[in-house]
Amino acid sequence: MVPRKFMGEVLKGVELNEIVSKYYGEPNIGRKYGLIGALTRRFIDRVVLNTEAVYMALIPRMPWNAGLFRD
């Protein structure tokens, strides 16, 4: 979740990378470890977060789970 502190500027069209880089005083955070990395002090980075999100999205599609996620 993007912190409310940043959302006002995001809604005005400012890129999140620019906002976060300015807040943390580090240029191009978005190209390094991203907002999630900044928020977690690099415990979780963008690649780890996205990888885990893909794994979670695949759970309902795994054959042994098919019966659990049908409509």
Protein backbone atom coordinates (compact mmCIF):
# COMPACT_ATOMS: atom_id res chain seq x y z
CA MET A 1 0.00 0.00 0.00
CA VAL A 2 1.32 3.43 -0.88
CA PRO A 3 1.48 5.60 2.25
CA ARG A 4 -1.06 8.42 2.42
CA LYS A 5 1.82 10.85 2.85
CA PHE A 6 2.77 10.16 -0.79
CA MET A 7 -0.69 9.80 -2.34
CA GLY A 8 -1.47 13.51 -2.66
CA GLU A 9 1.47 14.02 -4.99
CA VAL A 10 0.83 10.75 -6.84
CA LEU A 11 -2.73 11.90 -7.56
CA LYS A 12 -1.30 15.15 -8.93
CA GLY A 13 0.72 13.11 -11.43
CA VAL A 14 4.13 13.07 -9.74
CA GLU A 15 5.93 9.75 -10.23
CA LEU A 16 6.20 7.64 -7.10
CA ASN A 17 9.94 7.13 -7.65
CA GLU A 18 10.46 10.89 -7.52
CA ILE A 19 8.41 11.26 -4.33
CA VAL A 20 10.05 8.36 -2.51
CA SER A 21 13.55 9.32 -3.62
CA LYS A 22 13.02 12.84 -2.31
CA TYR A 23 11.56 11.60 1.00
CA TYR A 24 14.38 9.13 1.67
CA GLY A 25 17.08 11.37 0.17
CA GLU A 26 18.30 8.72 -2.24
CA PRO A 27 18.12 9.17 -6.02
CA ASN A 28 16.32 6.56 -8.13
CA ILE A 29 15.05 4.34 -5.33
CA GLY A 30 12.61 2.86 -7.81
CA ARG A 31 15.44 1.50 -9.93
CA LYS A 32 17.19 -0.02 -6.95
CA TYR A 33 14.91 -1.70 -4.41
CA GLY A 34 11.66 0.21 -4.80
CA LEU A 35 9.18 1.59 -2.31
CA ILE A 36 8.73 -1.76 -0.60
CA GLY A 37 12.48 -1.94 -0.04
CA ALA A 38 12.49 1.53 1.48
CA LEU A 39 9.49 0.80 3.71
CA THR A 40 11.02 -2.46 4.99
CA ARG A 41 14.62 -1.16 5.20
CA ARG A 42 15.51 -3.56 2.37
CA PHE A 43 14.14 -6.62 4.15
CA ILE A 44 11.85 -7.13 1.16
CA ASP A 45 12.75 -5.81 -2.26
CA ARG A 46 10.68 -5.37 -5.37
CA VAL A 47 11.85 -8.61 -7.00
CA VAL A 48 11.04 -10.72 -3.92
CA LEU A 49 7.63 -9.07 -3.54
CA ASN A 50 6.71 -9.62 -7.18
CA THR A 51 7.95 -13.21 -7.16
CA GLU A 52 5.85 -14.03 -4.09
CA ALA A 53 2.82 -12.31 -5.63
CA VAL A 54 3.09 -14.51 -8.73
CA TYR A 55 3.36 -17.62 -6.55
CA MET A 56 0.24 -16.59 -4.63
CA ALA A 57 -1.67 -15.94 -7.85
CA LEU A 58 -0.80 -19.45 -9.08
CA ILE A 59 -2.14 -21.26 -6.00
CA PRO A 60 -5.74 -21.55 -7.30
CA ARG A 61 -4.41 -22.86 -10.62
CA MET A 62 -2.41 -25.72 -9.13
CA PRO A 63 -4.14 -29.00 -10.06
CA TRP A 64 -4.38 -30.23 -6.46
CA ASN A 65 -6.23 -27.01 -5.49
CA ALA A 66 -8.68 -26.91 -8.41
CA GLY A 67 -11.64 -28.15 -6.35
CA LEU A 68 -11.10 -25.52 -3.69
CA PHE A 69 -11.35 -22.48 -5.96
CA ARG A 70 -14.19 -23.30 -8.35
CA ASP A 71 -17.25 -21.07 -8.48
